[in-house]
Amino acid sequence: MRDGVFDPAGLTALVVDPNHYQRRIALDQLRTMGFGRAMGASDISEAWDLLQKINPDIVLIEWMDGEISGLDFVRRVRLSPEAPNRAAAIFMLTKRGSQADVETARLAGVDGYMIKPVSALTLQQRLATVVLNPQPFITTASYIGPCRRRRRDDLYEGPFRRLNDPAPAGEMSDPESSEVKAEMARARVAVLEIAVRELAPGDVPGARAVFKAATDLQDVAEQIGDTVLSFAAREMMRYLQAQGATPRLDPEVVRTHVAALHQLVHLPHALSAERDAVAQGLKRMVDKKLRQASAA
C-alpha cells in the first residue's frame, strides 16, 4: 500500500467457489484491480491446499452447503494452527442474503459479507476498506477473528456482547451470548470433523491431530460451561489415549463419536434429556470398545 492508496500489486487472493463461471468472474475482477496473484479453488479440499501453498492476503468464499461448508473453512482458517495466516481477510461472497446468514458468517469470523452479483467497483471498495483500515484481530475464548465492533464510544453504558467483557449478573442467559457460545462449540467440532476425515489405523500424525482437536473442544466446553459437551469430549479423549496411534485405534469408532458430537452441539440446551442420552451413549460405546480391545 502507498500512503493510504489501495494498490494490490503485492497481494495474493484466493477465490473459493464451486461454480466455474462465478469463480472466473471474481478472479477476473481481482486481476483487473491489479492483484499480483489470484487463484481459484472449486471445493474446500482444494482451497485448503492452496491456502497453505500461497498464503493469501484475501479470501473470497461462497457459502457452499455440504458436509464441509464454506463456513467450516472460515472457522478452520481462524482456529487451526496449520493455517499460515489466521488473520487473513475473508469475505463471504454469496447469493444468500438473510440477516440470519449474515450473522452466522459474522460469528464464524468473516471480515465482510457481499451478496452476488457484486460489481467490480463495489468489490474493490470493500477490499480496500479492509486492507487500508483493518479491524483489530481478536483472539478470545469466545471468538477468533476481526473485531466486530465497528466503532468505539467511551460514553456507551449499554450491554457489551463479547464473552470476555465484564458480565453483569444475569447476562449469561442473554440469547445472543448463548448463540455465541454455541457457535464457538460448533466451530471446534467442525475442526474435529476435518481432522478425522482421513484418519487411518497407525496414522500417528493423524491421531495426534484428532487428539489435539478433541482437547481443544473439551477446553472450549469447559470455558462456556457446557458440562454435557465437556463429558462427551473427555470420553473421546479417553478412547484415543487408551488406543494410541496404533492399529487398535478404529477410525470408524472415532468418526461415529464425532458424528455424535456434531449432533450434541446442534441440540438446544433446553433438550437436556436428549443431550444427556447422546453423551451417555458415547460413554457406553467407549466402554464396550475398550473392553473388546483388552480381551483381544
C-alpha atoms as a PDB file:
ATOM      1  CA  MET A   1       0.000   0.000   0.000  1.00  0.00           C
ATOM      2  CA  ARG A   2       1.215   3.536  -0.791  1.00  0.00           C
ATOM      3  CA  ASP A   3       0.223   6.338   1.577  1.00  0.00           C
ATOM      4  CA  GLY A   4      -3.333   5.152   2.014  1.00  0.00           C
ATOM      5  CA  VAL A   5      -3.787   4.264  -1.680  1.00  0.00           C
ATOM      6  CA  PHE A   6      -5.161   0.808  -2.407  1.00  0.00           C
ATOM      7  CA  ASP A   7      -2.521  -0.898  -4.537  1.00  0.00           C
ATOM      8  CA  PRO A   8      -2.984  -4.686  -4.521  1.00  0.00           C
ATOM      9  CA  ALA A   9       0.030  -5.444  -6.720  1.00  0.00           C
ATOM     10  CA  GLY A  10       1.792  -7.110  -3.813  1.00  0.00           C
ATOM     11  CA  LEU A  11      -1.272  -9.015  -2.592  1.00  0.00           C
ATOM     12  CA  THR A  12      -2.441 -12.584  -3.182  1.00  0.00           C
ATOM     13  CA  ALA A  13      -6.101 -13.571  -3.375  1.00  0.00           C
ATOM     14  CA  LEU A  14      -7.911 -16.900  -3.251  1.00  0.00           C
ATOM     15  CA  VAL A  15     -11.424 -17.389  -4.665  1.00  0.00           C
ATOM     16  CA  VAL A  16     -13.355 -20.460  -3.476  1.00  0.00           C
ATOM     17  CA  ASP A  17     -16.497 -21.180  -5.477  1.00  0.00           C
ATOM     18  CA  PRO A  18     -17.800 -24.467  -6.964  1.00  0.00           C
ATOM     19  CA  ASN A  19     -19.404 -22.564  -9.862  1.00  0.00           C
ATOM     20  CA  HIS A  20     -16.757 -22.194 -12.583  1.00  0.00           C
ATOM     21  CA  TYR A  21     -18.454 -19.174 -14.164  1.00  0.00           C
ATOM     22  CA  GLN A  22     -18.856 -17.277 -10.878  1.00  0.00           C
ATOM     23  CA  ARG A  23     -15.310 -18.153  -9.837  1.00  0.00           C
ATOM     24  CA  ARG A  24     -13.954 -16.854 -13.135  1.00  0.00           C
ATOM     25  CA  ILE A  25     -15.840 -13.552 -12.777  1.00  0.00           C
ATOM     26  CA  ALA A  26     -14.344 -12.932  -9.325  1.00  0.00           C
ATOM     27  CA  LEU A  27     -10.835 -13.855 -10.492  1.00  0.00           C
ATOM     28  CA  ASP A  28     -11.113 -11.541 -13.494  1.00  0.00           C
ATOM     29  CA  GLN A  29     -12.270  -8.684 -11.242  1.00  0.00           C
ATOM     30  CA  LEU A  30      -9.329  -9.204  -8.898  1.00  0.00           C
ATOM     31  CA  ARG A  31      -6.810  -9.330 -11.737  1.00  0.00           C
ATOM     32  CA  THR A  32      -8.293  -6.195 -13.286  1.00  0.00           C
ATOM     33  CA  MET A  33      -7.836  -4.438  -9.914  1.00  0.00           C
ATOM     34  CA  GLY A  34      -4.146  -5.311 -10.137  1.00  0.00           C
ATOM     35  CA  PHE A  35      -3.770  -8.150  -7.658  1.00  0.00           C
ATOM     36  CA  GLY A  36      -0.307  -9.632  -8.025  1.00  0.00           C
ATOM     37  CA  ARG A  37      -1.699 -13.153  -7.741  1.00  0.00           C
ATOM     38  CA  ALA A  38      -5.243 -14.515  -7.826  1.00  0.00           C
ATOM     39  CA  MET A  39      -6.064 -18.225  -7.789  1.00  0.00           C
ATOM     40  CA  GLY A  40      -9.290 -20.195  -7.631  1.00  0.00           C
ATOM     41  CA  ALA A  41     -10.493 -23.400  -5.975  1.00  0.00           C
ATOM     42  CA  SER A  42     -13.641 -25.365  -6.723  1.00  0.00           C
ATOM     43  CA  ASP A  43     -14.000 -27.142  -3.363  1.00  0.00           C
ATOM     44  CA  ILE A  44     -12.882 -26.937   0.264  1.00  0.00           C
ATOM     45  CA  SER A  45     -10.142 -29.554  -0.012  1.00  0.00           C
ATOM     46  CA  GLU A  46      -8.513 -27.763  -2.932  1.00  0.00           C
ATOM     47  CA  ALA A  47      -8.990 -24.429  -1.148  1.00  0.00           C
ATOM     48  CA  TRP A  48      -7.186 -25.631   1.981  1.00  0.00           C
ATOM     49  CA  ASP A  49      -4.252 -26.964  -0.055  1.00  0.00           C
ATOM     50  CA  LEU A  50      -3.974 -23.659  -1.922  1.00  0.00           C
ATOM     51  CA  LEU A  51      -4.291 -21.667   1.282  1.00  0.00           C
ATOM     52  CA  GLN A  52      -1.252 -23.414   2.709  1.00  0.00           C
ATOM     53  CA  LYS A  53       0.739 -23.045  -0.515  1.00  0.00           C
ATOM     54  CA  ILE A  54       0.058 -19.412  -1.442  1.00  0.00           C
ATOM     55  CA  ASN A  55      -0.840 -17.877   1.960  1.00  0.00           C
ATOM     56  CA  PRO A  56      -3.415 -15.415   0.524  1.00  0.00           C
ATOM     57  CA  ASP A  57      -3.996 -11.947   1.934  1.00  0.00           C
ATOM     58  CA  ILE A  58      -7.638 -12.016   0.738  1.00  0.00           C
ATOM     59  CA  VAL A  59     -10.076 -14.942   0.540  1.00  0.00           C
ATOM     60  CA  LEU A  60     -13.423 -14.728  -1.256  1.00  0.00           C
ATOM     61  CA  ILE A  61     -15.575 -17.760  -0.476  1.00  0.00           C
ATOM     62  CA  GLU A  62     -19.042 -18.977  -1.424  1.00  0.00           C
ATOM     63  CA  TRP A  63     -21.329 -20.248   1.367  1.00  0.00           C
ATOM     64  CA  MET A  64     -21.354 -23.812  -0.044  1.00  0.00           C
ATOM     65  CA  ASP A  65     -23.651 -26.038   1.965  1.00  0.00           C
ATOM     66  CA  GLY A  66     -22.450 -29.602   2.316  1.00  0.00           C
ATOM     67  CA  GLU A  67     -20.545 -31.985   4.514  1.00  0.00           C
ATOM     68  CA  ILE A  68     -17.826 -29.338   4.820  1.00  0.00           C
ATOM     69  CA  SER A  69     -19.229 -25.886   4.131  1.00  0.00           C
ATOM     70  CA  GLY A  70     -17.731 -22.520   3.380  1.00  0.00           C
ATOM     71  CA  LEU A  71     -18.362 -21.569   7.000  1.00  0.00           C
ATOM     72  CA  ASP A  72     -16.389 -24.628   8.146  1.00  0.00           C
ATOM     73  CA  PHE A  73     -13.499 -23.395   6.007  1.00  0.00           C
ATOM     74  CA  VAL A  74     -13.679 -19.943   7.609  1.00  0.00           C
ATOM     75  CA  ARG A  75     -13.658 -21.493  11.080  1.00  0.00           C
ATOM     76  CA  ARG A  76     -10.722 -23.711  10.207  1.00  0.00           C
ATOM     77  CA  VAL A  77      -8.688 -20.755   8.958  1.00  0.00           C
ATOM     78  CA  ARG A  78      -9.412 -18.851  12.163  1.00  0.00           C
ATOM     79  CA  LEU A  79      -8.865 -21.788  14.530  1.00  0.00           C
ATOM     80  CA  SER A  80      -6.298 -24.136  13.018  1.00  0.00           C
ATOM     81  CA  PRO A  81      -2.596 -23.821  13.896  1.00  0.00           C
ATOM     82  CA  GLU A  82      -1.973 -25.197  10.385  1.00  0.00           C
ATOM     83  CA  ALA A  83      -3.362 -22.029   8.779  1.00  0.00           C
ATOM     84  CA  PRO A  84      -0.439 -19.890   7.547  1.00  0.00           C
ATOM     85  CA  ASN A  85      -2.274 -16.660   8.462  1.00  0.00           C
ATOM     86  CA  ARG A  86      -5.312 -16.917  10.725  1.00  0.00           C
ATOM     87  CA  ALA A  87      -5.876 -13.162  10.307  1.00  0.00           C
ATOM     88  CA  ALA A  88      -6.249 -13.300   6.505  1.00  0.00           C
ATOM     89  CA  ALA A  89      -9.135 -11.107   5.302  1.00  0.00           C
ATOM     90  CA  ILE A  90     -12.074 -13.391   4.452  1.00  0.00           C
ATOM     91  CA  PHE A  91     -15.211 -12.284   2.594  1.00  0.00           C
ATOM     92  CA  MET A  92     -18.321 -14.370   2.140  1.00  0.00           C
ATOM     93  CA  LEU A  93     -19.376 -13.807  -1.481  1.00  0.00           C
ATOM     94  CA  THR A  94     -22.751 -15.494  -1.978  1.00  0.00           C
ATOM     95  CA  LYS A  95     -26.336 -15.229  -3.202  1.00  0.00           C
ATOM     96  CA  ARG A  96     -27.648 -15.928   0.305  1.00  0.00           C
ATOM     97  CA  GLY A  97     -28.735 -12.704   1.953  1.00  0.00           C
ATOM     98  CA  SER A  98     -30.866 -13.292   5.041  1.00  0.00           C
ATOM     99  CA  GLN A  99     -29.933 -11.491   8.245  1.00  0.00           C
ATOM    100  CA  ALA A 100     -29.503 -14.861   9.950  1.00  0.00           C
ATOM    101  CA  ASP A 101     -26.965 -15.933   7.314  1.00  0.00           C
ATOM    102  CA  VAL A 102     -25.037 -12.676   7.671  1.00  0.00           C
ATOM    103  CA  GLU A 103     -24.920 -13.029  11.459  1.00  0.00           C
ATOM    104  CA  THR A 104     -23.833 -16.679  11.268  1.00  0.00           C
ATOM    105  CA  ALA A 105     -20.975 -15.769   8.933  1.00  0.00           C
ATOM    106  CA  ARG A 106     -20.036 -12.869  11.195  1.00  0.00           C
ATOM    107  CA  LEU A 107     -19.833 -15.183  14.198  1.00  0.00           C
ATOM    108  CA  ALA A 108     -17.669 -17.589  12.206  1.00  0.00           C
ATOM    109  CA  GLY A 109     -15.113 -14.808  11.682  1.00  0.00           C
ATOM    110  CA  VAL A 110     -15.579 -13.255   8.225  1.00  0.00           C
ATOM    111  CA  ASP A 111     -14.386  -9.710   7.573  1.00  0.00           C
ATOM    112  CA  GLY A 112     -17.241  -8.932   5.235  1.00  0.00           C
ATOM    113  CA  TYR A 113     -20.352 -10.303   3.559  1.00  0.00           C
ATOM    114  CA  MET A 114     -21.263  -9.481  -0.039  1.00  0.00           C
ATOM    115  CA  ILE A 115     -24.330 -10.644  -1.939  1.00  0.00           C
ATOM    116  CA  LYS A 116     -23.908 -11.642  -5.584  1.00  0.00           C
ATOM    117  CA  PRO A 117     -23.839 -10.175  -8.120  1.00  0.00           C
ATOM    118  CA  VAL A 118     -21.125  -7.783  -6.948  1.00  0.00           C
ATOM    119  CA  SER A 119     -19.798  -5.083  -9.237  1.00  0.00           C
ATOM    120  CA  ALA A 120     -16.056  -4.663  -9.672  1.00  0.00           C
ATOM    121  CA  LEU A 121     -16.274  -1.185  -8.092  1.00  0.00           C
ATOM    122  CA  THR A 122     -18.130  -2.441  -5.003  1.00  0.00           C
ATOM    123  CA  LEU A 123     -15.708  -5.330  -4.581  1.00  0.00           C
ATOM    124  CA  GLN A 124     -12.719  -3.013  -4.858  1.00  0.00           C
ATOM    125  CA  GLN A 125     -14.178  -0.565  -2.327  1.00  0.00           C
ATOM    126  CA  ARG A 126     -14.874  -3.319   0.216  1.00  0.00           C
ATOM    127  CA  LEU A 127     -11.442  -4.893  -0.172  1.00  0.00           C
ATOM    128  CA  ALA A 128      -9.726  -1.510   0.038  1.00  0.00           C
ATOM    129  CA  THR A 129     -11.543  -0.702   3.289  1.00  0.00           C
ATOM    130  CA  VAL A 130     -10.318  -3.867   4.965  1.00  0.00           C
ATOM    131  CA  VAL A 131      -6.779  -3.680   3.596  1.00  0.00           C
ATOM    132  CA  LEU A 132      -6.256   0.013   4.362  1.00  0.00           C
ATOM    133  CA  ASN A 133      -8.163   0.084   7.671  1.00  0.00           C
ATOM    134  CA  PRO A 134      -8.077  -3.450   9.083  1.00  0.00           C
ATOM    135  CA  GLN A 135     -10.038  -4.226  12.219  1.00  0.00           C
ATOM    136  CA  PRO A 136      -8.013  -5.476  15.201  1.00  0.00           C
ATOM    137  CA  PHE A 137      -7.733  -9.258  15.174  1.00  0.00           C
ATOM    138  CA  ILE A 138      -9.387 -10.669  18.292  1.00  0.00           C
ATOM    139  CA  THR A 139      -8.419 -13.929  19.987  1.00  0.00           C
ATOM    140  CA  THR A 140     -10.599 -14.782  22.971  1.00  0.00           C
ATOM    141  CA  ALA A 141     -12.260 -17.831  24.466  1.00  0.00           C
ATOM    142  CA  SER A 142     -15.462 -16.953  22.675  1.00  0.00           C
ATOM    143  CA  TYR A 143     -14.346 -15.617  19.306  1.00  0.00           C
ATOM    144  CA  ILE A 144     -11.387 -15.575  16.926  1.00  0.00           C
ATOM    145  CA  GLY A 145     -11.486 -13.162  14.016  1.00  0.00           C
ATOM    146  CA  PRO A 146     -11.718  -9.466  13.119  1.00  0.00           C
ATOM    147  CA  CYS A 147     -13.142  -7.203  15.797  1.00  0.00           C
ATOM    148  CA  ARG A 148     -16.905  -6.967  15.286  1.00  0.00           C
ATOM    149  CA  ARG A 149     -17.182  -3.574  16.970  1.00  0.00           C
ATOM    150  CA  ARG A 150     -17.080  -1.049  14.151  1.00  0.00           C
ATOM    151  CA  ARG A 151     -16.717   1.991  16.389  1.00  0.00           C
ATOM    152  CA  ARG A 152     -15.781   2.828  19.955  1.00  0.00           C
ATOM    153  CA  ASP A 153     -17.898   5.013  22.222  1.00  0.00           C
ATOM    154  CA  ASP A 154     -16.388   5.574  25.673  1.00  0.00           C
ATOM    155  CA  LEU A 155     -19.697   7.011  26.882  1.00  0.00           C
ATOM    156  CA  TYR A 156     -21.608   3.843  25.945  1.00  0.00           C
ATOM    157  CA  GLU A 157     -23.360   2.405  29.018  1.00  0.00           C
ATOM    158  CA  GLY A 158     -25.297  -0.407  27.385  1.00  0.00           C
ATOM    159  CA  PRO A 159     -24.518  -4.136  27.407  1.00  0.00           C
ATOM    160  CA  PHE A 160     -21.315  -5.484  25.883  1.00  0.00           C
ATOM    161  CA  ARG A 161     -21.695  -8.759  23.988  1.00  0.00           C
ATOM    162  CA  ARG A 162     -18.143 -10.107  23.872  1.00  0.00           C
ATOM    163  CA  LEU A 163     -17.771 -13.007  26.289  1.00  0.00           C
ATOM    164  CA  ASN A 164     -14.558 -11.667  27.780  1.00  0.00           C
ATOM    165  CA  ASP A 165     -16.247  -8.360  28.717  1.00  0.00           C
ATOM    166  CA  PRO A 166     -17.248  -7.967  32.367  1.00  0.00           C
ATOM    167  CA  ALA A 167     -20.704  -9.503  32.557  1.00  0.00           C
ATOM    168  CA  PRO A 168     -23.408  -8.091  34.824  1.00  0.00           C
ATOM    169  CA  ALA A 169     -25.499 -10.508  36.838  1.00  0.00           C
ATOM    170  CA  GLY A 170     -27.983 -12.392  34.712  1.00  0.00           C
ATOM    171  CA  GLU A 171     -26.337 -11.576  31.380  1.00  0.00           C
ATOM    172  CA  MET A 172     -25.298 -15.174  30.730  1.00  0.00           C
ATOM    173  CA  SER A 173     -28.901 -16.008  29.961  1.00  0.00           C
ATOM    174  CA  ASP A 174     -28.863 -13.462  27.108  1.00  0.00           C
ATOM    175  CA  PRO A 175     -29.844 -15.287  23.875  1.00  0.00           C
ATOM    176  CA  GLU A 176     -27.082 -13.553  21.926  1.00  0.00           C
ATOM    177  CA  SER A 177     -24.428 -14.706  24.413  1.00  0.00           C
ATOM    178  CA  SER A 178     -25.834 -18.216  24.227  1.00  0.00           C
ATOM    179  CA  GLU A 179     -25.626 -18.207  20.434  1.00  0.00           C
ATOM    180  CA  VAL A 180     -22.016 -17.017  20.500  1.00  0.00           C
ATOM    181  CA  LYS A 181     -21.168 -19.901  22.829  1.00  0.00           C
ATOM    182  CA  ALA A 182     -22.982 -22.404  20.635  1.00  0.00           C
ATOM    183  CA  GLU A 183     -21.209 -21.095  17.540  1.00  0.00           C
ATOM    184  CA  MET A 184     -17.836 -21.491  19.219  1.00  0.00           C
ATOM    185  CA  ALA A 185     -18.591 -25.114  20.152  1.00  0.00           C
ATOM    186  CA  ARG A 186     -19.790 -25.862  16.613  1.00  0.00           C
ATOM    187  CA  ALA A 187     -16.594 -24.346  15.213  1.00  0.00           C
ATOM    188  CA  ARG A 188     -14.433 -26.685  17.292  1.00  0.00           C
ATOM    189  CA  VAL A 189     -16.470 -29.699  16.227  1.00  0.00           C
ATOM    190  CA  ALA A 190     -16.070 -28.622  12.589  1.00  0.00           C
ATOM    191  CA  VAL A 191     -12.280 -28.671  13.040  1.00  0.00           C
ATOM    192  CA  LEU A 192     -12.561 -32.132  14.607  1.00  0.00           C
ATOM    193  CA  GLU A 193     -14.683 -33.370  11.682  1.00  0.00           C
ATOM    194  CA  ILE A 194     -11.977 -32.316   9.247  1.00  0.00           C
ATOM    195  CA  ALA A 195      -9.255 -33.946  11.352  1.00  0.00           C
ATOM    196  CA  VAL A 196     -10.945 -37.376  11.398  1.00  0.00           C
ATOM    197  CA  ARG A 197     -11.813 -37.447   7.709  1.00  0.00           C
ATOM    198  CA  GLU A 198      -8.619 -39.200   6.580  1.00  0.00           C
ATOM    199  CA  LEU A 199      -7.747 -40.901   9.867  1.00  0.00           C
ATOM    200  CA  ALA A 200      -6.377 -44.437   9.419  1.00  0.00           C
ATOM    201  CA  PRO A 201      -5.093 -47.121  11.845  1.00  0.00           C
ATOM    202  CA  GLY A 202      -1.494 -46.457  12.798  1.00  0.00           C
ATOM    203  CA  ASP A 203      -1.593 -42.875  11.483  1.00  0.00           C
ATOM    204  CA  VAL A 204       0.486 -41.164  14.182  1.00  0.00           C
ATOM    205  CA  PRO A 205       0.244 -37.550  12.904  1.00  0.00           C
ATOM    206  CA  GLY A 206      -3.458 -38.023  12.187  1.00  0.00           C
ATOM    207  CA  ALA A 207      -4.167 -39.444  15.638  1.00  0.00           C
ATOM    208  CA  ARG A 208      -2.280 -36.578  17.269  1.00  0.00           C
ATOM    209  CA  ALA A 209      -4.237 -34.011  15.245  1.00  0.00           C
ATOM    210  CA  VAL A 210      -7.525 -35.636  16.275  1.00  0.00           C
ATOM    211  CA  PHE A 211      -6.490 -35.738  19.930  1.00  0.00           C
ATOM    212  CA  LYS A 212      -5.454 -32.070  19.794  1.00  0.00           C
ATOM    213  CA  ALA A 213      -8.804 -31.119  18.239  1.00  0.00           C
ATOM    214  CA  ALA A 214     -10.684 -33.139  20.868  1.00  0.00           C
ATOM    215  CA  THR A 215      -8.659 -31.453  23.616  1.00  0.00           C
ATOM    216  CA  ASP A 216      -9.466 -28.019  22.190  1.00  0.00           C
ATOM    217  CA  LEU A 217     -13.162 -28.942  22.093  1.00  0.00           C
ATOM    218  CA  GLN A 218     -13.071 -30.076  25.704  1.00  0.00           C
ATOM    219  CA  ASP A 219     -11.342 -26.833  26.739  1.00  0.00           C
ATOM    220  CA  VAL A 220     -13.992 -24.770  24.952  1.00  0.00           C
ATOM    221  CA  ALA A 221     -16.785 -26.809  26.524  1.00  0.00           C
ATOM    222  CA  GLU A 222     -15.320 -26.017  29.954  1.00  0.00           C
ATOM    223  CA  GLN A 223     -14.975 -22.335  29.114  1.00  0.00           C
ATOM    224  CA  ILE A 224     -18.585 -21.965  28.001  1.00  0.00           C
ATOM    225  CA  GLY A 225     -19.947 -24.090  30.853  1.00  0.00           C
ATOM    226  CA  ASP A 226     -21.349 -26.930  28.708  1.00  0.00           C
ATOM    227  CA  THR A 227     -20.844 -29.861  31.071  1.00  0.00           C
ATOM    228  CA  VAL A 228     -22.518 -32.387  28.765  1.00  0.00           C
ATOM    229  CA  LEU A 229     -20.291 -31.483  25.825  1.00  0.00           C
ATOM    230  CA  SER A 230     -17.240 -31.498  28.097  1.00  0.00           C
ATOM    231  CA  PHE A 231     -18.117 -35.004  29.305  1.00  0.00           C
ATOM    232  CA  ALA A 232     -18.597 -36.269  25.730  1.00  0.00           C
ATOM    233  CA  ALA A 233     -15.284 -34.767  24.577  1.00  0.00           C
ATOM    234  CA  ARG A 234     -13.463 -36.358  27.535  1.00  0.00           C
ATOM    235  CA  GLU A 235     -14.909 -39.747  26.585  1.00  0.00           C
ATOM    236  CA  MET A 236     -13.460 -39.362  23.100  1.00  0.00           C
ATOM    237  CA  MET A 237     -10.092 -38.414  24.577  1.00  0.00           C
ATOM    238  CA  ARG A 238     -10.287 -41.463  26.855  1.00  0.00           C
ATOM    239  CA  TYR A 239     -10.697 -43.754  23.856  1.00  0.00           C
ATOM    240  CA  LEU A 240      -7.892 -42.055  21.928  1.00  0.00           C
ATOM    241  CA  GLN A 241      -5.496 -42.198  24.868  1.00  0.00           C
ATOM    242  CA  ALA A 242      -6.242 -45.868  25.544  1.00  0.00           C
ATOM    243  CA  GLN A 243      -5.740 -46.970  21.933  1.00  0.00           C
ATOM    244  CA  GLY A 244      -2.980 -44.575  20.960  1.00  0.00           C
ATOM    245  CA  ALA A 245      -1.723 -44.181  17.393  1.00  0.00           C
ATOM    246  CA  THR A 246      -1.754 -47.939  16.830  1.00  0.00           C
ATOM    247  CA  PRO A 247      -3.728 -50.346  14.631  1.00  0.00           C
ATOM    248  CA  ARG A 248      -6.043 -50.796  17.638  1.00  0.00           C
ATOM    249  CA  LEU A 249      -7.408 -47.310  17.016  1.00  0.00           C
ATOM    250  CA  ASP A 250     -10.578 -47.817  14.988  1.00  0.00           C
ATOM    251  CA  PRO A 251     -11.199 -44.764  12.768  1.00  0.00           C
ATOM    252  CA  GLU A 252     -14.867 -45.678  12.390  1.00  0.00           C
ATOM    253  CA  VAL A 253     -15.357 -45.548  16.148  1.00  0.00           C
ATOM    254  CA  VAL A 254     -13.756 -42.100  16.186  1.00  0.00           C
ATOM    255  CA  ARG A 255     -15.885 -40.886  13.289  1.00  0.00           C
ATOM    256  CA  THR A 256     -19.037 -42.218  14.961  1.00  0.00           C
ATOM    257  CA  HIS A 257     -18.058 -40.323  18.101  1.00  0.00           C
ATOM    258  CA  VAL A 258     -17.509 -37.113  16.126  1.00  0.00           C
ATOM    259  CA  ALA A 259     -20.892 -37.507  14.417  1.00  0.00           C
ATOM    260  CA  ALA A 260     -22.484 -37.709  17.871  1.00  0.00           C
ATOM    261  CA  LEU A 261     -20.576 -34.607  18.991  1.00  0.00           C
ATOM    262  CA  HIS A 262     -21.907 -32.830  15.904  1.00  0.00           C
ATOM    263  CA  GLN A 263     -25.413 -33.812  16.954  1.00  0.00           C
ATOM    264  CA  LEU A 264     -24.729 -32.664  20.504  1.00  0.00           C
ATOM    265  CA  VAL A 265     -23.607 -29.135  19.595  1.00  0.00           C
ATOM    266  CA  HIS A 266     -26.688 -28.669  17.425  1.00  0.00           C
ATOM    267  CA  LEU A 267     -29.177 -29.847  20.055  1.00  0.00           C
ATOM    268  CA  PRO A 268     -30.672 -26.943  22.043  1.00  0.00           C
ATOM    269  CA  HIS A 269     -29.688 -26.915  25.696  1.00  0.00           C
ATOM    270  CA  ALA A 270     -33.385 -26.981  26.554  1.00  0.00           C
ATOM    271  CA  LEU A 271     -33.390 -30.595  25.332  1.00  0.00           C
ATOM    272  CA  SER A 272     -31.251 -31.653  28.284  1.00  0.00           C
ATOM    273  CA  ALA A 273     -32.547 -35.232  28.388  1.00  0.00           C
ATOM    274  CA  GLU A 274     -31.717 -35.778  24.700  1.00  0.00           C
ATOM    275  CA  ARG A 275     -28.234 -34.273  25.122  1.00  0.00           C
ATOM    276  CA  ASP A 276     -27.566 -36.442  28.186  1.00  0.00           C
ATOM    277  CA  ALA A 277     -28.662 -39.516  26.241  1.00  0.00           C
ATOM    278  CA  VAL A 278     -26.195 -38.741  23.436  1.00  0.00           C
ATOM    279  CA  ALA A 279     -23.327 -38.274  25.903  1.00  0.00           C
ATOM    280  CA  GLN A 280     -24.123 -41.430  27.863  1.00  0.00           C
ATOM    281  CA  GLY A 281     -24.402 -43.376  24.613  1.00  0.00           C
ATOM    282  CA  LEU A 282     -20.874 -42.296  23.770  1.00  0.00           C
ATOM    283  CA  LYS A 283     -19.609 -43.465  27.148  1.00  0.00           C
ATOM    284  CA  ARG A 284     -21.211 -46.887  26.661  1.00  0.00           C
ATOM    285  CA  MET A 285     -19.636 -47.166  23.210  1.00  0.00           C
ATOM    286  CA  VAL A 286     -16.188 -46.297  24.554  1.00  0.00           C
ATOM    287  CA  ASP A 287     -16.554 -48.744  27.464  1.00  0.00           C
ATOM    288  CA  LYS A 288     -17.567 -51.523  25.054  1.00  0.00           C
ATOM    289  CA  LYS A 289     -14.766 -50.865  22.576  1.00  0.00           C
ATOM    290  CA  LEU A 290     -12.107 -50.725  25.293  1.00  0.00           C
ATOM    291  CA  ARG A 291     -13.371 -53.988  26.805  1.00  0.00           C
ATOM    292  CA  GLN A 292     -13.192 -55.629  23.398  1.00  0.00           C
ATOM    293  CA  ALA A 293      -9.675 -54.294  22.856  1.00  0.00           C
ATOM    294  CA  SER A 294      -8.436 -55.573  26.222  1.00  0.00           C
ATOM    295  CA  ALA A 295      -9.928 -59.011  25.579  1.00  0.00           C
ATOM    296  CA  ALA A 296      -8.354 -59.341  22.128  1.00  0.00           C
END
